[in-house]
Every structure is written in structure tokens, then in C-alpha cells.
Amino acid sequence: MAIPNYQNIMLPLLKYAVDGQEHSMREAIGALADQFNLSEDERKELLPLTRVTLQERRTKVLMLI
């Protein structure tokens, strides 16, 4: 499966966060990667000129909204 876009990440991220528990960014990213059945290569795909994965960037942007 391809790395989902912001719109497709938003609802699963909100459902993950609503459980009343405190979650780290790394836990949220891992949970979403599992939910979207991302391969190891997709989980490690970096954005150009950065050391940030595409999935990590998209999840962090949504968590800041």
C-alpha cells in the first residue's frame, strides 16, 4: 500500500488519540504504519533533502493542527 495522504491519515490518527491515553509521536507513527500495512521500505522512505520519513512528516503536521 502507498503511504496515505493527509486526508486519509486524519481520521485514523484522531481515533488513535481519542482513547484518553498519552501517546508519543513515535507510537502514533508506528500505530498508523501498522494500520495502513506499510512495508518496511515505505516506513523508511525519506523526504528529499531531509532525514525525516514521509509518514513521520505527514503525521506530525496533522498532530499540530
PDB file of N, CA and C in Angstrom:
ATOM      1  N   MET A   1       0.848  -1.184   0.000  1.00  0.00           N
ATOM      2  CA  MET A   1       0.000   0.000   0.000  1.00  0.00           C
ATOM      3  C   MET A   1       0.885   1.235   0.000  1.00  0.00           C
ATOM      4  N   ALA A   2       0.502   2.245  -0.714  1.00  0.00           N
ATOM      5  CA  ALA A   2       1.246   3.504  -0.743  1.00  0.00           C
ATOM      6  C   ALA A   2       1.043   4.262   0.566  1.00  0.00           C
ATOM      7  N   ILE A   3       1.967   5.138   0.862  1.00  0.00           N
ATOM      8  CA  ILE A   3       1.838   5.959   2.058  1.00  0.00           C
ATOM      9  C   ILE A   3       0.631   6.866   1.878  1.00  0.00           C
ATOM     10  N   PRO A   4      -0.310   6.833   2.828  1.00  0.00           N
ATOM     11  CA  PRO A   4      -1.534   7.619   2.659  1.00  0.00           C
ATOM     12  C   PRO A   4      -1.267   9.123   2.733  1.00  0.00           C
ATOM     13  N   ASN A   5      -2.162   9.889   2.117  1.00  0.00           N
ATOM     14  CA  ASN A   5      -2.046  11.340   2.162  1.00  0.00           C
ATOM     15  C   ASN A   5      -2.644  11.871   3.463  1.00  0.00           C
ATOM     16  N   TYR A   6      -2.565  13.180   3.654  1.00  0.00           N
ATOM     17  CA  TYR A   6      -3.038  13.782   4.900  1.00  0.00           C
ATOM     18  C   TYR A   6      -4.505  13.467   5.193  1.00  0.00           C
ATOM     19  N   GLN A   7      -5.339  13.556   4.173  1.00  0.00           N
ATOM     20  CA  GLN A   7      -6.769  13.335   4.376  1.00  0.00           C
ATOM     21  C   GLN A   7      -7.055  11.908   4.854  1.00  0.00           C
ATOM     22  N   ASN A   8      -6.307  10.955   4.351  1.00  0.00           N
ATOM     23  CA  ASN A   8      -6.534   9.563   4.738  1.00  0.00           C
ATOM     24  C   ASN A   8      -5.918   9.215   6.083  1.00  0.00           C
ATOM     25  N   ILE A   9      -4.972  10.003   6.542  1.00  0.00           N
ATOM     26  CA  ILE A   9      -4.352   9.760   7.847  1.00  0.00           C
ATOM     27  C   ILE A   9      -5.175  10.372   8.976  1.00  0.00           C
ATOM     28  N   MET A  10      -5.863  11.460   8.699  1.00  0.00           N
ATOM     29  CA  MET A  10      -6.500  12.241   9.756  1.00  0.00           C
ATOM     30  C   MET A  10      -7.464  11.442  10.636  1.00  0.00           C
ATOM     31  N   LEU A  11      -8.421  10.772  10.072  1.00  0.00           N
ATOM     32  CA  LEU A  11      -9.410  10.055  10.882  1.00  0.00           C
ATOM     33  C   LEU A  11      -8.778   8.928  11.699  1.00  0.00           C
ATOM     34  N   PRO A  12      -7.933   8.079  11.131  1.00  0.00           N
ATOM     35  CA  PRO A  12      -7.291   7.052  11.955  1.00  0.00           C
ATOM     36  C   PRO A  12      -6.438   7.650  13.081  1.00  0.00           C
ATOM     37  N   LEU A  13      -5.791   8.775  12.831  1.00  0.00           N
ATOM     38  CA  LEU A  13      -4.995   9.416  13.874  1.00  0.00           C
ATOM     39  C   LEU A  13      -5.893   9.923  14.998  1.00  0.00           C
ATOM     40  N   LEU A  14      -7.004  10.541  14.645  1.00  0.00           N
ATOM     41  CA  LEU A  14      -7.943  11.017  15.669  1.00  0.00           C
ATOM     42  C   LEU A  14      -8.519   9.854  16.473  1.00  0.00           C
ATOM     43  N   LYS A  15      -8.862   8.766  15.823  1.00  0.00           N
ATOM     44  CA  LYS A  15      -9.375   7.584  16.533  1.00  0.00           C
ATOM     45  C   LYS A  15      -8.315   7.005  17.466  1.00  0.00           C
ATOM     46  N   TYR A  16      -7.068   7.037  17.035  1.00  0.00           N
ATOM     47  CA  TYR A  16      -5.968   6.538  17.872  1.00  0.00           C
ATOM     48  C   TYR A  16      -5.803   7.420  19.110  1.00  0.00           C
ATOM     49  N   ALA A  17      -5.928   8.725  18.944  1.00  0.00           N
ATOM     50  CA  ALA A  17      -5.678   9.664  20.033  1.00  0.00           C
ATOM     51  C   ALA A  17      -6.829   9.795  21.020  1.00  0.00           C
ATOM     52  N   VAL A  18      -8.007   9.368  20.663  1.00  0.00           N
ATOM     53  CA  VAL A  18      -9.200   9.602  21.493  1.00  0.00           C
ATOM     54  C   VAL A  18      -9.320   8.637  22.679  1.00  0.00           C
ATOM     55  N   ASP A  19      -8.416   7.690  22.817  1.00  0.00           N
ATOM     56  CA  ASP A  19      -8.545   6.678  23.867  1.00  0.00           C
ATOM     57  C   ASP A  19      -8.228   7.185  25.276  1.00  0.00           C
ATOM     58  N   GLY A  20      -7.863   8.469  25.408  1.00  0.00           N
ATOM     59  CA  GLY A  20      -7.606   9.038  26.724  1.00  0.00           C
ATOM     60  C   GLY A  20      -6.196   8.774  27.234  1.00  0.00           C
ATOM     61  N   GLN A  21      -5.414   8.022  26.512  1.00  0.00           N
ATOM     62  CA  GLN A  21      -4.032   7.725  26.889  1.00  0.00           C
ATOM     63  C   GLN A  21      -3.107   8.776  26.294  1.00  0.00           C
ATOM     64  N   GLU A  22      -1.935   8.897  26.885  1.00  0.00           N
ATOM     65  CA  GLU A  22      -0.926   9.771  26.315  1.00  0.00           C
ATOM     66  C   GLU A  22      -0.031   8.922  25.411  1.00  0.00           C
ATOM     67  N   HIS A  23       0.175   9.373  24.172  1.00  0.00           N
ATOM     68  CA  HIS A  23       0.972   8.631  23.201  1.00  0.00           C
ATOM     69  C   HIS A  23       2.118   9.498  22.707  1.00  0.00           C
ATOM     70  N   SER A  24       3.263   8.870  22.501  1.00  0.00           N
ATOM     71  CA  SER A  24       4.384   9.610  21.903  1.00  0.00           C
ATOM     72  C   SER A  24       4.165   9.695  20.401  1.00  0.00           C
ATOM     73  N   MET A  25       4.893  10.590  19.781  1.00  0.00           N
ATOM     74  CA  MET A  25       4.829  10.734  18.327  1.00  0.00           C
ATOM     75  C   MET A  25       5.230   9.408  17.670  1.00  0.00           C
ATOM     76  N   ARG A  26       6.286   8.808  18.190  1.00  0.00           N
ATOM     77  CA  ARG A  26       6.797   7.557  17.622  1.00  0.00           C
ATOM     78  C   ARG A  26       5.737   6.451  17.705  1.00  0.00           C
ATOM     79  N   GLU A  27       4.995   6.377  18.823  1.00  0.00           N
ATOM     80  CA  GLU A  27       3.927   5.383  18.957  1.00  0.00           C
ATOM     81  C   GLU A  27       2.819   5.615  17.941  1.00  0.00           C
ATOM     82  N   ALA A  28       2.439   6.875  17.759  1.00  0.00           N
ATOM     83  CA  ALA A  28       1.378   7.203  16.803  1.00  0.00           C
ATOM     84  C   ALA A  28       1.803   6.846  15.381  1.00  0.00           C
ATOM     85  N   ILE A  29       3.039   7.170  15.038  1.00  0.00           N
ATOM     86  CA  ILE A  29       3.535   6.863  13.698  1.00  0.00           C
ATOM     87  C   ILE A  29       3.552   5.361  13.470  1.00  0.00           C
ATOM     88  N   GLY A  30       4.018   4.608  14.464  1.00  0.00           N
ATOM     89  CA  GLY A  30       4.048   3.147  14.357  1.00  0.00           C
ATOM     90  C   GLY A  30       2.657   2.542  14.246  1.00  0.00           C
ATOM     91  N   ALA A  31       1.726   3.058  15.045  1.00  0.00           N
ATOM     92  CA  ALA A  31       0.353   2.541  15.007  1.00  0.00           C
ATOM     93  C   ALA A  31      -0.294   2.787  13.650  1.00  0.00           C
ATOM     94  N   LEU A  32      -0.072   3.972  13.100  1.00  0.00           N
ATOM     95  CA  LEU A  32      -0.642   4.274  11.784  1.00  0.00           C
ATOM     96  C   LEU A  32       0.015   3.430  10.698  1.00  0.00           C
ATOM     97  N   ALA A  33       1.323   3.237  10.794  1.00  0.00           N
ATOM     98  CA  ALA A  33       2.019   2.394   9.812  1.00  0.00           C
ATOM     99  C   ALA A  33       1.463   0.981   9.844  1.00  0.00           C
ATOM    100  N   ASP A  34       1.195   0.477  11.049  1.00  0.00           N
ATOM    101  CA  ASP A  34       0.603  -0.862  11.179  1.00  0.00           C
ATOM    102  C   ASP A  34      -0.803  -0.891  10.588  1.00  0.00           C
ATOM    103  N   GLN A  35      -1.598   0.120  10.898  1.00  0.00           N
ATOM    104  CA  GLN A  35      -2.976   0.158  10.408  1.00  0.00           C
ATOM    105  C   GLN A  35      -3.032   0.207   8.881  1.00  0.00           C
ATOM    106  N   PHE A  36      -2.116   0.931   8.271  1.00  0.00           N
ATOM    107  CA  PHE A  36      -2.096   1.040   6.814  1.00  0.00           C
ATOM    108  C   PHE A  36      -1.251  -0.041   6.153  1.00  0.00           C
ATOM    109  N   ASN A  37      -0.762  -0.990   6.957  1.00  0.00           N
ATOM    110  CA  ASN A  37       0.037  -2.117   6.450  1.00  0.00           C
ATOM    111  C   ASN A  37       1.196  -1.664   5.573  1.00  0.00           C
ATOM    112  N   LEU A  38       1.924  -0.651   6.037  1.00  0.00           N
ATOM    113  CA  LEU A  38       3.049  -0.147   5.272  1.00  0.00           C
ATOM    114  C   LEU A  38       4.223  -1.128   5.337  1.00  0.00           C
ATOM    115  N   SER A  39       4.904  -1.294   4.236  1.00  0.00           N
ATOM    116  CA  SER A  39       6.075  -2.165   4.186  1.00  0.00           C
ATOM    117  C   SER A  39       7.245  -1.468   4.888  1.00  0.00           C
ATOM    118  N   GLU A  40       8.302  -2.216   5.149  1.00  0.00           N
ATOM    119  CA  GLU A  40       9.495  -1.635   5.762  1.00  0.00           C
ATOM    120  C   GLU A  40      10.076  -0.533   4.878  1.00  0.00           C
ATOM    121  N   ASP A  41      10.075  -0.747   3.573  1.00  0.00           N
ATOM    122  CA  ASP A  41      10.587   0.279   2.658  1.00  0.00           C
ATOM    123  C   ASP A  41       9.751   1.552   2.732  1.00  0.00           C
ATOM    124  N   GLU A  42       8.424   1.407   2.801  1.00  0.00           N
ATOM    125  CA  GLU A  42       7.553   2.580   2.897  1.00  0.00           C
ATOM    126  C   GLU A  42       7.764   3.299   4.226  1.00  0.00           C
ATOM    127  N   ARG A  43       7.977   2.544   5.295  1.00  0.00           N
ATOM    128  CA  ARG A  43       8.199   3.154   6.613  1.00  0.00           C
ATOM    129  C   ARG A  43       9.501   3.942   6.653  1.00  0.00           C
ATOM    130  N   LYS A  44      10.448   3.577   5.823  1.00  0.00           N
ATOM    131  CA  LYS A  44      11.771   4.218   5.829  1.00  0.00           C
ATOM    132  C   LYS A  44      11.958   5.257   4.727  1.00  0.00           C
ATOM    133  N   GLU A  45      10.939   5.455   3.890  1.00  0.00           N
ATOM    134  CA  GLU A  45      11.050   6.394   2.765  1.00  0.00           C
ATOM    135  C   GLU A  45      11.265   7.817   3.289  1.00  0.00           C
ATOM    136  N   LEU A  46      12.375   8.413   2.902  1.00  0.00           N
ATOM    137  CA  LEU A  46      12.720   9.747   3.379  1.00  0.00           C
ATOM    138  C   LEU A  46      12.267  10.816   2.400  1.00  0.00           C
ATOM    139  N   LEU A  47      11.972  11.975   2.944  1.00  0.00           N
ATOM    140  CA  LEU A  47      11.682  13.131   2.106  1.00  0.00           C
ATOM    141  C   LEU A  47      12.995  13.621   1.501  1.00  0.00           C
ATOM    142  N   PRO A  48      12.954  14.207   0.327  1.00  0.00           N
ATOM    143  CA  PRO A  48      14.174  14.732  -0.284  1.00  0.00           C
ATOM    144  C   PRO A  48      14.853  15.763   0.626  1.00  0.00           C
ATOM    145  N   LEU A  49      16.150  15.674   0.730  1.00  0.00           N
ATOM    146  CA  LEU A  49      16.986  16.620   1.475  1.00  0.00           C
ATOM    147  C   LEU A  49      16.727  16.646   2.977  1.00  0.00           C
ATOM    148  N   THR A  50      16.093  15.627   3.523  1.00  0.00           N
ATOM    149  CA  THR A  50      15.848  15.578   4.968  1.00  0.00           C
ATOM    150  C   THR A  50      16.166  14.185   5.495  1.00  0.00           C
ATOM    151  N   ARG A  51      16.100  14.066   6.783  1.00  0.00           N
ATOM    152  CA  ARG A  51      16.253  12.760   7.425  1.00  0.00           C
ATOM    153  C   ARG A  51      14.922  12.351   8.068  1.00  0.00           C
ATOM    154  N   VAL A  52      13.852  12.924   7.577  1.00  0.00           N
ATOM    155  CA  VAL A  52      12.513  12.666   8.096  1.00  0.00           C
ATOM    156  C   VAL A  52      11.772  11.795   7.098  1.00  0.00           C
ATOM    157  N   THR A  53      11.093  10.770   7.613  1.00  0.00           N
ATOM    158  CA  THR A  53      10.321   9.922   6.712  1.00  0.00           C
ATOM    159  C   THR A  53       9.053  10.649   6.279  1.00  0.00           C
ATOM    160  N   LEU A  54       8.557  10.287   5.139  1.00  0.00           N
ATOM    161  CA  LEU A  54       7.335  10.879   4.608  1.00  0.00           C
ATOM    162  C   LEU A  54       6.171  10.655   5.573  1.00  0.00           C
ATOM    163  N   GLN A  55       6.061   9.450   6.104  1.00  0.00           N
ATOM    164  CA  GLN A  55       4.976   9.137   7.035  1.00  0.00           C
ATOM    165  C   GLN A  55       5.098   9.972   8.311  1.00  0.00           C
ATOM    166  N   GLU A  56       6.310  10.129   8.813  1.00  0.00           N
ATOM    167  CA  GLU A  56       6.524  10.916  10.023  1.00  0.00           C
ATOM    168  C   GLU A  56       6.120  12.371   9.807  1.00  0.00           C
ATOM    169  N   ARG A  57       6.506  12.960   8.700  1.00  0.00           N
ATOM    170  CA  ARG A  57       6.165  14.348   8.394  1.00  0.00           C
ATOM    171  C   ARG A  57       4.652  14.517   8.317  1.00  0.00           C
ATOM    172  N   ARG A  58       3.984  13.637   7.621  1.00  0.00           N
ATOM    173  CA  ARG A  58       2.525  13.777   7.467  1.00  0.00           C
ATOM    174  C   ARG A  58       1.820  13.633   8.817  1.00  0.00           C
ATOM    175  N   THR A  59       2.274  12.704   9.636  1.00  0.00           N
ATOM    176  CA  THR A  59       1.640  12.523  10.947  1.00  0.00           C
ATOM    177  C   THR A  59       1.900  13.724  11.840  1.00  0.00           C
ATOM    178  N   LYS A  60       3.112  14.228  11.852  1.00  0.00           N
ATOM    179  CA  LYS A  60       3.426  15.398  12.702  1.00  0.00           C
ATOM    180  C   LYS A  60       2.641  16.620  12.289  1.00  0.00           C
ATOM    181  N   VAL A  61       2.498  16.852  11.027  1.00  0.00           N
ATOM    182  CA  VAL A  61       1.725  18.007  10.559  1.00  0.00           C
ATOM    183  C   VAL A  61       0.298  17.910  11.064  1.00  0.00           C
ATOM    184  N   LEU A  62      -0.302  16.745  10.978  1.00  0.00           N
ATOM    185  CA  LEU A  62      -1.697  16.599  11.447  1.00  0.00           C
ATOM    186  C   LEU A  62      -1.806  16.749  12.951  1.00  0.00           C
ATOM    187  N   MET A  63      -0.799  16.329  13.686  1.00  0.00           N
ATOM    188  CA  MET A  63      -0.865  16.440  15.149  1.00  0.00           C
ATOM    189  C   MET A  63      -0.721  17.897  15.603  1.00  0.00           C
ATOM    190  N   LEU A  64      -0.183  18.745  14.754  1.00  0.00           N
ATOM    191  CA  LEU A  64      -0.041  20.153  15.091  1.00  0.00           C
ATOM    192  C   LEU A  64      -1.291  20.966  14.799  1.00  0.00           C
ATOM    193  N   ILE A  65      -2.205  20.396  14.034  1.00  0.00           N
ATOM    194  CA  ILE A  65      -3.427  21.115  13.666  1.00  0.00           C
ATOM    195  C   ILE A  65      -4.371  21.185  14.852  1.00  0.00           C
TER     196      ILE A  65
END
